[in-house]
Amino acid sequence: QLTALPGDRSKAEKTFHQCVTT
């Protein structure tokens, strides 16, 4: 699911950031 809700944005971005930094 690519649709991200306003509240879900933080979680999605955090997960994405972790994938990039890891």
PDB file of N, CA and C in Angstrom:
ATOM      1  N   GLN A   1       0.848  -1.211   0.000  1.00  0.00           N
ATOM      2  CA  GLN A   1       0.000   0.000   0.000  1.00  0.00           C
ATOM      3  C   GLN A   1       0.878   1.254   0.000  1.00  0.00           C
ATOM      4  N   LEU A   2       0.792   2.019  -1.073  1.00  0.00           N
ATOM      5  CA  LEU A   2       1.637   3.208  -1.176  1.00  0.00           C
ATOM      6  C   LEU A   2       0.946   4.434  -0.612  1.00  0.00           C
ATOM      7  N   THR A   3      -0.364   4.321  -0.387  1.00  0.00           N
ATOM      8  CA  THR A   3      -1.115   5.459   0.151  1.00  0.00           C
ATOM      9  C   THR A   3      -0.771   5.663   1.622  1.00  0.00           C
ATOM     10  N   ALA A   4      -0.218   6.826   1.934  1.00  0.00           N
ATOM     11  CA  ALA A   4       0.167   7.105   3.322  1.00  0.00           C
ATOM     12  C   ALA A   4      -0.704   8.210   3.897  1.00  0.00           C
ATOM     13  N   LEU A   5      -1.256   7.972   5.054  1.00  0.00           N
ATOM     14  CA  LEU A   5      -2.100   8.968   5.708  1.00  0.00           C
ATOM     15  C   LEU A   5      -1.229   9.986   6.436  1.00  0.00           C
ATOM     16  N   PRO A   6      -1.773  11.175   6.710  1.00  0.00           N
ATOM     17  CA  PRO A   6      -1.018  12.232   7.399  1.00  0.00           C
ATOM     18  C   PRO A   6      -0.322  11.704   8.660  1.00  0.00           C
ATOM     19  N   GLY A   7      -1.047  10.899   9.429  1.00  0.00           N
ATOM     20  CA  GLY A   7      -0.480  10.369  10.664  1.00  0.00           C
ATOM     21  C   GLY A   7       0.496   9.239  10.395  1.00  0.00           C
ATOM     22  N   ASP A   8       0.297   8.578   9.244  1.00  0.00           N
ATOM     23  CA  ASP A   8       1.146   7.439   8.910  1.00  0.00           C
ATOM     24  C   ASP A   8       2.433   7.889   8.224  1.00  0.00           C
ATOM     25  N   ARG A   9       2.446   9.152   7.827  1.00  0.00           N
ATOM     26  CA  ARG A   9       3.612   9.680   7.112  1.00  0.00           C
ATOM     27  C   ARG A   9       4.881   9.533   7.942  1.00  0.00           C
ATOM     28  N   SER A  10       4.778   9.913   9.222  1.00  0.00           N
ATOM     29  CA  SER A  10       5.954   9.855  10.093  1.00  0.00           C
ATOM     30  C   SER A  10       6.505   8.441  10.139  1.00  0.00           C
ATOM     31  N   LYS A  11       5.610   7.478  10.338  1.00  0.00           N
ATOM     32  CA  LYS A  11       6.050   6.086  10.439  1.00  0.00           C
ATOM     33  C   LYS A  11       6.682   5.640   9.129  1.00  0.00           C
ATOM     34  N   ALA A  12       6.030   5.980   8.032  1.00  0.00           N
ATOM     35  CA  ALA A  12       6.530   5.572   6.723  1.00  0.00           C
ATOM     36  C   ALA A  12       7.896   6.193   6.456  1.00  0.00           C
ATOM     37  N   GLU A  13       8.003   7.480   6.730  1.00  0.00           N
ATOM     38  CA  GLU A  13       9.281   8.166   6.493  1.00  0.00           C
ATOM     39  C   GLU A  13      10.373   7.607   7.395  1.00  0.00           C
ATOM     40  N   LYS A  14      10.017   7.305   8.642  1.00  0.00           N
ATOM     41  CA  LYS A  14      11.001   6.773   9.577  1.00  0.00           C
ATOM     42  C   LYS A  14      11.510   5.415   9.082  1.00  0.00           C
ATOM     43  N   THR A  15      10.571   4.582   8.636  1.00  0.00           N
ATOM     44  CA  THR A  15      10.966   3.267   8.136  1.00  0.00           C
ATOM     45  C   THR A  15      11.843   3.410   6.915  1.00  0.00           C
ATOM     46  N   PHE A  16      11.480   4.336   6.031  1.00  0.00           N
ATOM     47  CA  PHE A  16      12.269   4.561   4.816  1.00  0.00           C
ATOM     48  C   PHE A  16      13.660   5.056   5.178  1.00  0.00           C
ATOM     49  N   HIS A  17      13.724   5.963   6.139  1.00  0.00           N
ATOM     50  CA  HIS A  17      15.008   6.520   6.553  1.00  0.00           C
ATOM     51  C   HIS A  17      15.897   5.418   7.135  1.00  0.00           C
ATOM     52  N   GLN A  18      15.269   4.510   7.906  1.00  0.00           N
ATOM     53  CA  GLN A  18      16.036   3.420   8.496  1.00  0.00           C
ATOM     54  C   GLN A  18      16.627   2.540   7.398  1.00  0.00           C
ATOM     55  N   CYS A  19      15.827   2.275   6.351  1.00  0.00           N
ATOM     56  CA  CYS A  19      16.314   1.436   5.248  1.00  0.00           C
ATOM     57  C   CYS A  19      17.492   2.106   4.554  1.00  0.00           C
ATOM     58  N   VAL A  20      17.446   3.425   4.455  1.00  0.00           N
ATOM     59  CA  VAL A  20      18.510   4.160   3.764  1.00  0.00           C
ATOM     60  C   VAL A  20      19.772   4.229   4.632  1.00  0.00           C
ATOM     61  N   THR A  21      19.593   4.479   5.912  1.00  0.00           N
ATOM     62  CA  THR A  21      20.743   4.633   6.792  1.00  0.00           C
ATOM     63  C   THR A  21      21.364   3.281   7.150  1.00  0.00           C
ATOM     64  N   THR A  22      20.553   2.253   7.201  1.00  0.00           N
ATOM     65  CA  THR A  22      21.070   0.934   7.575  1.00  0.00           C
ATOM     66  C   THR A  22      21.911   0.360   6.462  1.00  0.00           C
TER      67      THR A  22
END
